[in-house]
Amino acid sequence: MFGTIRKHSTWLWLIIIAGIIVSFVIYFTPSATRGFMERGASVSINGHTFNRDQVNAANREVQVSAVLGLGRRPETDQEATQRAFERLMMETKLEEYGISVGPEATADWIRDRILRPGGPFAGMTLEQVGKQFITPAGYSVEDLTRFAKHQAGFEVLLDTLGSAASLITPQELRSSYLRENQKLAVDLAFVANSNYLAKVTLNQDELMKFYSNRVAAYRSPDRVQVHYVRFATSNYVADAETELKKQPNFDSQVTQTYETRGTNYYPNLSQKEAEGRIRQEMIDEEAFKLARRKAYDFINMYYDSDTRTSAVMAETAKSINKEMKTTTPFSRDELPKDIGVGPEFVDAAFKLTKDEPFSTAISAADGYYALCFDQKIPGSIQPYDEVKDKVQKDFRDDRARTLTREAADQFYQALTNGVPSSQAFTSLAKLSGFEVFSIPDLTLRTTSVPGVKLPVDVRQIAAIANNMETNTISRPQFATGGLYLLHTGDRTPPTEAEINAGLAEYRNRIRQTRDSEILNTWISKQMELSGVFNQFRNPSQ
């Protein structure tokens, strides 16, 4: 079945299903336990009931997609929950369409999508990706493998649904290809704000006025302090090994995993050495599961108690020979000191309140954490004398930006008084102290210019330049650290030989885009039919 899958580009899955879930324990967060989540720790989609472990697994998959660079962080918990439900809905459709993906097909998808040549993980093994990226983020190779298995199935589903409607006329295809592949000569003039810092003079009256007008920017950030109990994965390695060795087929599972991954997965290792790594990997994953289970068992002991204070958490911790500790105060932009946690810990801490003091289990690279609200320390406006150095720096930067804009406007006016040539553009730019870059063959598909370090993303340059007339000047455009202007030169269409060589691949790419649009529409429709969207819109029902 998997062998029939078209080789869709990785970017396609950014559009289709990938996304990042802020918290993989949504059923137990204070915000999630209100509304429709009060009905119980399960959800029904398309006649399938998913328990909280399955929802957690779906959330962990979208977390993995983000770690791999295939998704973005949702802006709200509601969006995060919806993303998880979309994956669960897709799983029901895989079953409905009879699509099953085995270990070999999963391994093929990992090789072709995650470890593909030219990708961010090219030259790495899955084990290396797991150790360097997945595990430090608080997830496991099991989560990664499950994510890959479902993504492989979703591609089959895409083929099933999308192929019939991805038609494009030859005229439309050729016209679009010519536009994307015409070569355009472009000159770029960049002026840095830093060029004008030395020209800024500090005046005390102006500084005080600047401070007064922006006083909110000099407010110290809100900080929080929380209590926590840690469930370290390392504490459960021995128990995990014992549990796995009780399984009569544990050794055969190790061997099967080795055979599925293939010898290329473990270069320079014998089968015995590779199986030793797999065995330890499975033990570590089991230890991570045990830590999660222990954390949930602990939280369930006090979460619904009438007395919702840290004393309850401390007493509960003492009853299982654990110690409740307290962080130093920290803001949203910093991690707590002396503990190895990540942004998920900070996000969870800032959601806690005196009325809703308890978190669910929060994952970290070294295990799981249960949190309890201690205090919120409001920020305050800092007096000028305390932030004088920052005010002066901000003032210089602000005035330098103004001078940069004035210089760019003068440059633009000087050039647009006549018909500018590339030579005139370049000469005046250098005379004005601008840095000049020449891009001879820019197309809408250009992603880099060999040997040239541009101050602006070349794709942004291409998008602007292709909407300009030939031999014209753009208005000043904002860039990180300065401004830039473009001059467009001659346009050169692709040759017939280039068209003939590239049209087939381009046709496939266009069809993939249309397939993704079809699948997105289909997903939305299925979510509507399942009734999940209604629960988001009317959570009190």
Protein backbone atom coordinates (compact mmCIF):
# COMPACT_ATOMS: atom_id res chain seq x y z
CA MET A 1 0.00 0.00 0.00
CA PHE A 2 2.70 2.48 1.04
CA GLY A 3 4.67 1.88 -2.14
CA THR A 4 1.94 3.60 -4.14
CA ILE A 5 2.28 6.88 -2.24
CA ARG A 6 3.36 9.87 -4.27
CA LYS A 7 6.45 11.57 -2.90
CA HIS A 8 4.77 14.66 -1.51
CA SER A 9 7.06 17.48 -0.40
CA THR A 10 7.56 17.97 3.31
CA TRP A 11 6.19 21.49 3.12
CA LEU A 12 2.84 20.08 2.07
CA TRP A 13 2.39 18.66 5.54
CA LEU A 14 2.92 22.05 7.07
CA ILE A 15 -0.37 23.00 5.41
CA ILE A 16 -2.24 19.79 5.98
CA ILE A 17 -1.95 18.52 9.48
CA ALA A 18 1.24 19.52 11.28
CA GLY A 19 0.97 21.74 14.34
CA ILE A 20 2.34 22.09 17.79
CA ILE A 21 0.32 21.51 20.97
CA VAL A 22 1.29 23.68 23.89
CA SER A 23 0.31 21.11 26.49
CA PHE A 24 -0.23 17.42 25.91
CA VAL A 25 -2.36 17.12 29.05
CA ILE A 26 -5.19 19.39 28.03
CA TYR A 27 -7.85 17.30 29.72
CA PHE A 28 -6.34 18.18 33.09
CA THR A 29 -5.43 21.84 32.74
CA PRO A 30 -7.71 24.31 34.56
CA SER A 31 -8.79 25.91 31.29
CA ALA A 32 -9.54 22.56 29.73
CA THR A 33 -11.48 21.15 32.64
CA ARG A 34 -14.09 23.84 32.20
CA GLY A 35 -16.74 23.63 29.48
CA PHE A 36 -17.21 20.44 27.56
CA MET A 37 -14.22 18.75 29.22
CA GLU A 38 -16.31 18.43 32.36
CA ARG A 39 -18.20 15.61 30.68
CA GLY A 40 -15.28 13.30 31.40
CA ALA A 41 -11.75 12.49 30.37
CA SER A 42 -12.71 11.17 26.94
CA VAL A 43 -14.03 12.45 23.63
CA SER A 44 -16.09 10.84 20.89
CA ILE A 45 -15.20 11.50 17.24
CA ASN A 46 -16.91 9.76 14.34
CA GLY A 47 -18.29 7.12 16.69
CA HIS A 48 -14.86 6.37 18.18
CA THR A 49 -14.21 7.11 21.85
CA PHE A 50 -10.72 8.29 22.74
CA ASN A 51 -9.53 8.18 26.34
CA ARG A 52 -7.17 10.67 27.90
CA ASP A 53 -4.08 8.57 27.12
CA GLN A 54 -4.97 8.56 23.43
CA VAL A 55 -5.55 12.31 23.47
CA ASN A 56 -2.24 12.78 25.24
CA ALA A 57 -0.59 10.68 22.53
CA ALA A 58 -2.11 12.83 19.78
CA ASN A 59 -0.87 15.94 21.53
CA ARG A 60 2.60 14.48 21.82
CA GLU A 61 2.57 13.79 18.09
CA VAL A 62 1.90 17.41 17.27
CA GLN A 63 4.65 18.37 19.70
CA VAL A 64 7.00 16.09 17.78
CA SER A 65 5.95 17.68 14.49
CA ALA A 66 7.03 21.05 15.88
CA VAL A 67 10.36 19.73 17.11
CA LEU A 68 10.96 18.44 13.58
CA GLY A 69 10.11 21.85 12.14
CA LEU A 70 6.81 20.70 10.61
CA GLY A 71 4.41 22.84 12.61
CA ARG A 72 3.89 26.02 14.59
CA ARG A 73 2.83 26.64 18.16
CA PRO A 74 -0.93 27.25 18.53
CA GLU A 75 -1.82 30.63 19.94
CA THR A 76 -4.44 29.30 22.35
CA ASP A 77 -5.24 26.11 24.27
CA GLN A 78 -8.43 25.84 22.23
CA GLU A 79 -6.45 25.81 19.00
CA ALA A 80 -4.09 23.24 20.48
CA THR A 81 -6.97 20.98 21.48
CA GLN A 82 -8.51 21.30 18.04
CA ARG A 83 -5.24 20.25 16.40
CA ALA A 84 -5.10 17.14 18.54
CA PHE A 85 -8.72 16.30 17.71
CA GLU A 86 -7.98 16.71 14.01
CA ARG A 87 -5.31 14.05 14.25
CA LEU A 88 -7.68 11.73 16.09
CA MET A 89 -10.35 12.33 13.46
CA MET A 90 -7.82 11.47 10.73
CA GLU A 91 -7.00 8.26 12.58
CA THR A 92 -10.66 7.24 12.44
CA LYS A 93 -10.63 7.85 8.69
CA LEU A 94 -7.55 5.67 8.25
CA GLU A 95 -9.52 2.84 9.84
CA GLU A 96 -12.63 3.67 7.82
CA TYR A 97 -10.70 3.57 4.51
CA GLY A 98 -8.84 0.42 5.51
CA ILE A 99 -5.44 2.12 5.47
CA SER A 100 -2.87 0.32 7.60
CA VAL A 101 0.80 1.27 7.82
CA GLY A 102 3.30 -1.31 9.03
CA PRO A 103 6.82 -0.97 10.46
CA GLU A 104 8.51 -1.17 7.05
CA ALA A 105 6.33 1.57 5.56
CA THR A 106 6.90 3.71 8.64
CA ALA A 107 10.66 3.27 8.27
CA ASP A 108 10.38 4.24 4.58
CA TRP A 109 8.48 7.42 5.50
CA ILE A 110 11.08 8.35 8.12
CA ARG A 111 13.89 7.85 5.60
CA ASP A 112 12.14 9.79 2.82
CA ARG A 113 10.69 12.62 4.90
CA ILE A 114 12.69 13.16 8.08
CA LEU A 115 16.13 11.90 7.04
CA ARG A 116 15.84 12.96 3.41
CA PRO A 117 18.94 14.32 1.63
CA GLY A 118 19.00 18.09 1.77
CA GLY A 119 16.72 18.21 4.81
CA PRO A 120 17.64 19.54 8.27
CA PHE A 121 18.43 16.01 9.52
CA ALA A 122 20.30 14.80 6.42
CA GLY A 123 23.17 12.48 7.27
CA MET A 124 21.74 11.64 10.70
CA THR A 125 20.21 8.42 11.92
CA LEU A 126 16.82 8.33 13.62
CA GLU A 127 18.59 7.47 16.83
CA GLN A 128 20.64 10.66 16.56
CA VAL A 129 17.54 12.74 15.82
CA GLY A 130 15.88 11.22 18.87
CA LYS A 131 18.78 11.85 21.23
CA GLN A 132 19.64 15.35 19.99
CA PHE A 133 16.16 16.78 19.36
CA ILE A 134 13.23 14.63 20.53
CA THR A 135 14.36 13.45 23.97
CA PRO A 136 15.70 16.86 25.12
CA ALA A 137 12.28 18.31 24.29
CA GLY A 138 10.64 15.84 26.67
CA TYR A 139 9.37 13.30 24.13
CA SER A 140 10.44 9.85 23.04
CA VAL A 141 11.41 7.91 19.96
CA GLU A 142 8.12 6.05 20.43
CA ASP A 143 6.28 9.36 19.99
CA LEU A 144 8.34 10.08 16.88
CA THR A 145 7.68 6.64 15.39
CA ARG A 146 3.95 6.88 16.09
CA PHE A 147 3.86 10.34 14.49
CA ALA A 148 5.65 8.99 11.40
CA LYS A 149 3.29 6.02 11.15
CA HIS A 150 0.21 8.25 11.18
CA GLN A 151 1.77 10.75 8.73
CA ALA A 152 2.47 7.91 6.33
CA GLY A 153 -1.17 6.86 6.57
CA PHE A 154 -2.35 10.43 6.05
CA GLU A 155 -0.38 10.55 2.79
CA VAL A 156 -2.19 7.45 1.56
CA LEU A 157 -5.45 9.11 2.54
CA LEU A 158 -4.44 12.21 0.62
CA ASP A 159 -3.81 10.13 -2.51
CA THR A 160 -7.22 8.52 -2.07
CA LEU A 161 -9.06 11.82 -1.75
CA GLY A 162 -7.15 14.32 -3.82
CA SER A 163 -5.97 12.88 -7.11
CA ALA A 164 -9.19 13.15 -9.05
CA ALA A 165 -9.56 16.88 -8.46
CA SER A 166 -5.99 18.08 -9.05
CA LEU A 167 -6.41 18.88 -12.77
CA ILE A 168 -4.67 21.86 -14.37
CA THR A 169 -4.80 22.99 -18.02
CA PRO A 170 -1.56 23.02 -20.07
CA GLN A 171 -1.97 26.77 -20.72
CA GLU A 172 -2.41 27.53 -17.03
CA LEU A 173 0.54 25.33 -16.13
CA ARG A 174 2.90 26.92 -18.69
CA SER A 175 1.92 30.48 -17.74
CA SER A 176 2.49 29.80 -14.05
CA TYR A 177 5.80 28.07 -14.75
CA LEU A 178 7.08 31.00 -16.83
CA ARG A 179 6.22 33.47 -14.08
CA GLU A 180 7.94 31.47 -11.36
CA ASN A 181 11.06 30.73 -13.39
CA GLN A 182 11.77 33.97 -15.25
CA LYS A 183 15.18 35.33 -14.27
CA LEU A 184 15.41 38.87 -13.04
CA ALA A 185 18.50 41.01 -12.51
CA VAL A 186 18.18 42.80 -9.19
CA ASP A 187 20.40 45.23 -7.29
CA LEU A 188 19.87 45.75 -3.57
CA ALA A 189 21.07 48.75 -1.56
CA PHE A 190 21.05 48.27 2.20
CA VAL A 191 21.64 50.90 4.85
CA ALA A 192 22.17 49.81 8.46
CA ASN A 193 20.76 51.72 11.42
CA SER A 194 24.13 51.30 13.12
CA ASN A 195 25.67 53.65 10.53
CA TYR A 196 23.97 56.55 12.28
CA LEU A 197 24.43 55.71 15.95
CA ALA A 198 27.51 57.93 16.23
CA LYS A 199 25.51 60.88 14.91
CA VAL A 200 23.00 60.75 17.75
CA THR A 201 23.59 63.23 20.58
CA LEU A 202 22.17 62.76 24.06
CA ASN A 203 20.15 65.60 25.52
CA GLN A 204 18.80 65.19 29.03
CA ASP A 205 15.48 66.90 28.31
CA GLU A 206 14.93 64.74 25.23
CA LEU A 207 15.91 61.63 27.17
CA MET A 208 13.37 62.37 29.92
CA LYS A 209 10.66 63.05 27.35
CA PHE A 210 11.56 59.81 25.57
CA TYR A 211 11.37 57.91 28.87
CA SER A 212 8.01 59.50 29.80
CA ASN A 213 6.45 58.69 26.43
CA ARG A 214 7.54 55.04 26.68
CA VAL A 215 7.36 54.46 30.40
CA ALA A 216 5.43 51.21 29.95
CA ALA A 217 8.46 49.73 28.18
CA TYR A 218 10.45 50.15 31.39
CA ARG A 219 8.12 48.15 33.55
CA SER A 220 9.75 45.16 35.20
CA PRO A 221 8.09 41.91 34.06
CA ASP A 222 5.57 39.95 36.09
CA ARG A 223 7.19 36.98 37.81
CA VAL A 224 5.85 33.85 39.42
CA GLN A 225 7.10 31.42 41.99
CA VAL A 226 5.80 27.85 42.14
CA HIS A 227 6.23 24.74 44.23
CA TYR A 228 7.04 21.53 42.41
CA VAL A 229 7.53 17.81 42.88
CA ARG A 230 9.81 16.07 40.38
CA PHE A 231 9.42 12.55 39.04
CA ALA A 232 12.81 11.89 37.47
CA THR A 233 12.98 9.31 34.71
CA SER A 234 16.28 8.03 36.11
CA ASN A 235 14.46 6.83 39.24
CA TYR A 236 12.39 4.37 37.24
CA VAL A 237 14.99 2.82 34.92
CA ALA A 238 15.41 -0.28 37.07
CA ASP A 239 11.65 -0.79 37.37
CA ALA A 240 11.26 -0.28 33.63
CA GLU A 241 13.88 -2.89 32.87
CA THR A 242 12.22 -5.34 35.23
CA GLU A 243 8.81 -4.80 33.61
CA LEU A 244 10.14 -5.25 30.10
CA LYS A 245 12.06 -8.42 30.97
CA LYS A 246 8.82 -9.93 32.23
CA GLN A 247 7.52 -9.80 28.68
CA PRO A 248 8.24 -13.15 27.02
CA ASN A 249 8.81 -11.54 23.62
CA PHE A 250 11.02 -8.64 24.73
CA ASP A 251 14.17 -9.95 23.04
CA SER A 252 12.27 -10.71 19.84
CA GLN A 253 10.87 -7.15 19.87
CA VAL A 254 14.42 -5.82 20.06
CA THR A 255 15.50 -7.96 17.13
CA GLN A 256 12.40 -7.04 15.11
CA THR A 257 13.08 -3.34 15.70
CA TYR A 258 16.66 -3.80 14.50
CA GLU A 259 15.53 -5.62 11.36
CA THR A 260 12.85 -3.01 10.65
CA ARG A 261 15.25 -0.10 10.93
CA GLY A 262 17.91 -1.81 8.90
CA THR A 263 21.69 -1.84 9.16
CA ASN A 264 22.03 1.74 7.83
CA TYR A 265 20.27 2.99 10.93
CA TYR A 266 23.27 1.97 13.06
CA PRO A 267 26.42 2.59 10.99
CA ASN A 268 29.65 1.04 12.30
CA LEU A 269 27.80 -1.08 14.86
CA SER A 270 27.47 -4.84 14.97
CA GLN A 271 24.01 -6.32 15.34
CA LYS A 272 24.75 -7.12 18.98
CA GLU A 273 25.83 -3.53 19.70
CA ALA A 274 22.83 -2.11 17.84
CA GLU A 275 20.43 -4.36 19.70
CA GLY A 276 22.04 -3.24 22.96
CA ARG A 277 21.21 0.36 22.09
CA ILE A 278 17.67 -0.56 21.11
CA ARG A 279 17.21 -2.43 24.38
CA GLN A 280 18.38 0.58 26.39
CA GLU A 281 16.22 2.89 24.28
CA MET A 282 13.15 0.77 25.04
CA ILE A 283 14.03 0.73 28.74
CA ASP A 284 14.42 4.52 28.78
CA GLU A 285 11.08 4.97 27.03
CA GLU A 286 9.41 2.65 29.53
CA ALA A 287 11.01 4.60 32.39
CA PHE A 288 9.63 7.82 30.92
CA LYS A 289 6.17 6.25 30.83
CA LEU A 290 6.50 5.12 34.44
CA ALA A 291 7.54 8.62 35.50
CA ARG A 292 4.49 10.03 33.76
CA ARG A 293 2.21 7.45 35.37
CA LYS A 294 3.66 8.15 38.83
CA ALA A 295 3.21 11.87 38.31
CA TYR A 296 -0.44 11.44 37.34
CA ASP A 297 -1.09 9.08 40.24
CA PHE A 298 0.41 11.65 42.59
CA ILE A 299 -1.63 14.55 41.17
CA ASN A 300 -4.85 12.55 41.34
CA MET A 301 -4.32 12.11 45.09
CA TYR A 302 -4.88 15.81 45.80
CA TYR A 303 -6.14 17.51 42.65
CA ASP A 304 -9.84 17.46 43.63
CA SER A 305 -9.35 18.05 47.34
CA ASP A 306 -11.43 20.72 49.06
CA THR A 307 -8.31 22.36 50.44
CA ARG A 308 -6.47 23.69 47.41
CA THR A 309 -3.19 24.88 48.88
CA SER A 310 0.47 23.96 48.71
CA ALA A 311 0.13 22.32 52.13
CA VAL A 312 -1.99 19.59 50.56
CA MET A 313 0.60 18.99 47.87
CA ALA A 314 3.44 18.97 50.41
CA GLU A 315 1.64 16.49 52.66
CA THR A 316 0.83 14.25 49.70
CA ALA A 317 4.45 14.36 48.55
CA LYS A 318 5.64 13.43 52.03
CA SER A 319 3.29 10.44 52.06
CA ILE A 320 5.11 8.96 49.04
CA ASN A 321 8.59 9.94 50.25
CA LYS A 322 8.87 12.87 47.87
CA GLU A 323 9.93 16.41 48.66
CA MET A 324 8.10 19.52 47.50
CA LYS A 325 10.54 22.23 46.45
CA THR A 326 10.10 25.86 45.44
CA THR A 327 11.54 27.71 42.46
CA THR A 328 13.12 31.12 42.57
CA PRO A 329 10.88 33.80 40.97
CA PHE A 330 11.04 33.85 37.16
CA SER A 331 9.41 35.77 34.31
CA ARG A 332 7.85 34.49 31.10
CA ASP A 333 11.11 35.07 29.27
CA GLU A 334 13.35 33.03 31.52
CA LEU A 335 13.60 29.48 32.82
CA PRO A 336 13.65 28.67 36.54
CA LYS A 337 17.17 28.29 37.90
CA ASP A 338 18.70 25.05 39.10
CA ILE A 339 16.18 22.70 37.47
CA GLY A 340 16.32 21.27 33.96
CA VAL A 341 12.93 22.32 32.62
CA GLY A 342 11.81 23.99 29.42
CA PRO A 343 9.19 26.46 28.15
CA GLU A 344 6.34 24.04 28.94
CA PHE A 345 7.11 24.46 32.63
CA VAL A 346 7.01 28.26 32.33
CA ASP A 347 3.75 28.18 30.34
CA ALA A 348 2.12 25.94 32.94
CA ALA A 349 3.40 28.04 35.86
CA PHE A 350 1.94 31.26 34.48
CA LYS A 351 -1.48 29.64 34.04
CA LEU A 352 -1.74 28.80 37.73
CA THR A 353 -3.67 31.04 40.11
CA LYS A 354 -4.62 31.06 43.76
CA ASP A 355 -8.04 29.62 42.83
CA GLU A 356 -6.61 27.08 40.38
CA PRO A 357 -3.27 26.28 42.01
CA PHE A 358 -2.52 22.80 40.63
CA SER A 359 -1.06 21.83 37.29
CA THR A 360 -1.18 18.55 35.50
CA ALA A 361 2.07 16.65 34.93
CA ILE A 362 4.51 18.77 32.92
CA SER A 363 7.10 17.01 30.79
CA ALA A 364 10.77 17.91 30.77
CA ALA A 365 13.95 16.32 29.48
CA ASP A 366 14.58 14.60 32.84
CA GLY A 367 11.04 13.48 33.66
CA TYR A 368 7.76 14.99 34.84
CA TYR A 369 6.87 17.80 37.24
CA ALA A 370 3.75 18.55 39.27
CA LEU A 371 3.34 22.25 40.02
CA CYS A 372 1.48 24.27 42.63
CA PHE A 373 0.99 28.03 42.66
CA ASP A 374 2.97 29.95 45.28
CA GLN A 375 2.85 33.63 44.38
CA LYS A 376 2.69 36.09 41.52
CA ILE A 377 4.96 39.10 41.78
CA PRO A 378 3.55 41.96 39.71
CA GLY A 379 5.93 44.05 37.67
CA SER A 380 6.34 47.74 38.32
CA ILE A 381 7.49 50.88 36.55
CA GLN A 382 11.22 51.29 37.08
CA PRO A 383 12.49 54.81 37.88
CA TYR A 384 14.60 56.51 35.25
CA ASP A 385 17.79 56.27 37.32
CA GLU A 386 17.45 52.48 37.51
CA VAL A 387 17.05 52.06 33.74
CA LYS A 388 19.11 55.03 32.56
CA ASP A 389 21.50 52.91 30.48
CA LYS A 390 18.65 51.11 28.72
CA VAL A 391 16.79 54.37 28.06
CA GLN A 392 19.90 55.90 26.52
CA LYS A 393 20.46 52.83 24.31
CA ASP A 394 16.81 52.81 23.22
CA PHE A 395 17.00 56.54 22.50
CA ARG A 396 20.10 56.10 20.33
CA ASP A 397 18.52 53.20 18.46
CA ASP A 398 15.30 55.13 17.89
CA ARG A 399 17.06 58.25 16.60
CA ALA A 400 19.37 56.14 14.43
CA ARG A 401 16.35 54.51 12.82
CA THR A 402 14.91 57.93 12.09
CA LEU A 403 18.16 59.07 10.46
CA THR A 404 18.29 55.83 8.46
CA ARG A 405 14.80 56.43 7.15
CA GLU A 406 15.66 60.01 6.17
CA ALA A 407 18.76 58.81 4.28
CA ALA A 408 16.76 56.09 2.48
CA ASP A 409 14.05 58.58 1.49
CA GLN A 410 16.63 61.02 0.14
CA PHE A 411 18.27 58.22 -1.83
CA TYR A 412 14.91 57.18 -3.29
CA GLN A 413 14.00 60.75 -4.28
CA ALA A 414 17.36 61.30 -5.96
CA LEU A 415 16.94 58.18 -8.10
CA THR A 416 13.31 58.68 -9.06
CA ASN A 417 13.96 62.14 -10.49
CA GLY A 418 15.09 60.40 -13.68
CA VAL A 419 15.12 56.92 -15.25
CA PRO A 420 17.61 55.02 -13.09
CA SER A 421 20.04 52.51 -14.52
CA SER A 422 21.75 49.75 -12.61
CA GLN A 423 25.02 51.65 -12.75
CA ALA A 424 23.44 54.87 -11.43
CA PHE A 425 21.70 52.96 -8.64
CA THR A 426 24.92 51.24 -7.59
CA SER A 427 27.08 54.36 -7.79
CA LEU A 428 24.72 56.57 -5.80
CA ALA A 429 24.16 53.84 -3.22
CA LYS A 430 27.88 53.50 -2.56
CA LEU A 431 28.31 57.28 -2.50
CA SER A 432 25.51 57.45 0.11
CA GLY A 433 27.25 54.86 2.30
CA PHE A 434 24.86 52.03 1.43
CA GLU A 435 25.97 48.43 0.99
CA VAL A 436 25.22 47.09 -2.50
CA PHE A 437 24.41 43.51 -3.53
CA SER A 438 23.80 42.24 -7.08
CA ILE A 439 21.56 39.23 -7.78
CA PRO A 440 21.81 38.39 -11.51
CA ASP A 441 19.34 35.51 -11.89
CA LEU A 442 16.63 35.91 -9.24
CA THR A 443 13.46 33.81 -9.58
CA LEU A 444 10.48 33.17 -7.33
CA ARG A 445 12.04 29.80 -6.55
CA THR A 446 15.42 31.16 -5.45
CA THR A 447 16.18 30.26 -1.84
CA SER A 448 19.81 31.41 -1.60
CA VAL A 449 22.51 33.23 -3.57
CA PRO A 450 25.80 31.27 -3.53
CA GLY A 451 28.69 33.24 -2.09
CA VAL A 452 26.55 36.20 -1.06
CA LYS A 453 25.32 36.87 2.48
CA LEU A 454 22.26 39.05 1.96
CA PRO A 455 20.87 41.24 4.75
CA VAL A 456 17.33 40.25 3.71
CA ASP A 457 15.69 36.88 3.01
CA VAL A 458 16.06 36.33 -0.74
CA ARG A 459 12.47 35.05 -0.95
CA GLN A 460 11.23 38.38 0.35
CA ILE A 461 13.37 40.16 -2.26
CA ALA A 462 11.98 37.94 -5.03
CA ALA A 463 8.37 38.54 -3.98
CA ILE A 464 8.81 42.33 -4.11
CA ALA A 465 10.98 42.45 -7.24
CA ASN A 466 8.66 40.28 -9.33
CA ASN A 467 5.81 42.73 -8.75
CA MET A 468 7.90 45.69 -9.94
CA GLU A 469 8.23 46.99 -13.49
CA THR A 470 11.55 46.58 -15.29
CA ASN A 471 14.16 49.27 -14.54
CA THR A 472 12.35 50.75 -11.54
CA ILE A 473 13.18 51.48 -7.90
CA SER A 474 11.28 50.17 -4.91
CA ARG A 475 10.40 52.39 -1.99
CA PRO A 476 12.46 51.83 1.17
CA GLN A 477 11.64 48.47 2.74
CA PHE A 478 12.14 47.54 6.38
CA ALA A 479 14.66 44.85 7.25
CA THR A 480 16.26 43.64 10.46
CA GLY A 481 18.71 46.34 11.47
CA GLY A 482 18.04 48.76 8.63
CA LEU A 483 16.30 49.56 5.34
CA TYR A 484 16.80 48.45 1.75
CA LEU A 485 15.77 49.47 -1.76
CA LEU A 486 15.66 47.38 -4.94
CA HIS A 487 16.42 48.15 -8.55
CA THR A 488 15.07 45.77 -11.17
CA GLY A 489 16.92 45.10 -14.41
CA ASP A 490 16.25 42.84 -17.37
CA ARG A 491 13.93 39.84 -17.26
CA THR A 492 14.95 36.61 -19.01
CA PRO A 493 12.32 33.92 -19.59
CA PRO A 494 13.34 30.26 -19.28
CA THR A 495 14.43 28.59 -22.50
CA GLU A 496 12.33 25.91 -24.17
CA ALA A 497 14.87 23.33 -23.03
CA GLU A 498 14.49 24.51 -19.42
CA ILE A 499 10.70 24.47 -19.74
CA ASN A 500 10.69 20.92 -21.13
CA ALA A 501 13.04 19.73 -18.39
CA GLY A 502 11.18 21.34 -15.50
CA LEU A 503 7.52 21.26 -16.46
CA ALA A 504 6.79 17.70 -15.30
CA GLU A 505 8.14 18.28 -11.79
CA TYR A 506 6.33 21.62 -11.64
CA ARG A 507 3.05 19.96 -12.65
CA ASN A 508 3.41 17.51 -9.74
CA ARG A 509 4.10 20.35 -7.32
CA ILE A 510 1.01 22.27 -8.45
CA ARG A 511 -1.12 19.16 -8.09
CA GLN A 512 0.21 18.59 -4.59
CA THR A 513 -0.83 22.13 -3.65
CA ARG A 514 -4.34 21.51 -4.96
CA ASP A 515 -4.46 18.16 -3.20
CA SER A 516 -3.65 19.88 0.09
CA GLU A 517 -6.46 22.40 -0.46
CA ILE A 518 -8.89 19.55 -1.10
CA LEU A 519 -7.78 17.69 2.02
CA ASN A 520 -7.98 20.79 4.20
CA THR A 521 -11.55 21.37 3.05
CA TRP A 522 -12.35 17.72 3.64
CA ILE A 523 -10.85 17.77 7.16
CA SER A 524 -12.93 20.83 8.10
CA LYS A 525 -16.08 19.16 6.78
CA GLN A 526 -15.39 15.95 8.69
CA MET A 527 -14.75 17.88 11.90
CA GLU A 528 -18.07 19.67 11.42
CA LEU A 529 -19.89 16.37 10.87
CA SER A 530 -18.23 14.83 13.92
CA GLY A 531 -19.65 17.60 16.12
CA VAL A 532 -16.29 18.48 17.65
CA PHE A 533 -16.38 22.03 16.27
CA ASN A 534 -19.73 22.54 17.97
CA GLN A 535 -18.14 21.68 21.30
CA PHE A 536 -15.51 24.36 20.72
CA ARG A 537 -18.13 26.95 19.77
CA ASN A 538 -20.56 26.09 22.57
CA PRO A 539 -18.44 24.70 25.41
CA SER A 540 -21.25 25.11 27.94
CA GLN A 541 -23.57 22.73 26.13
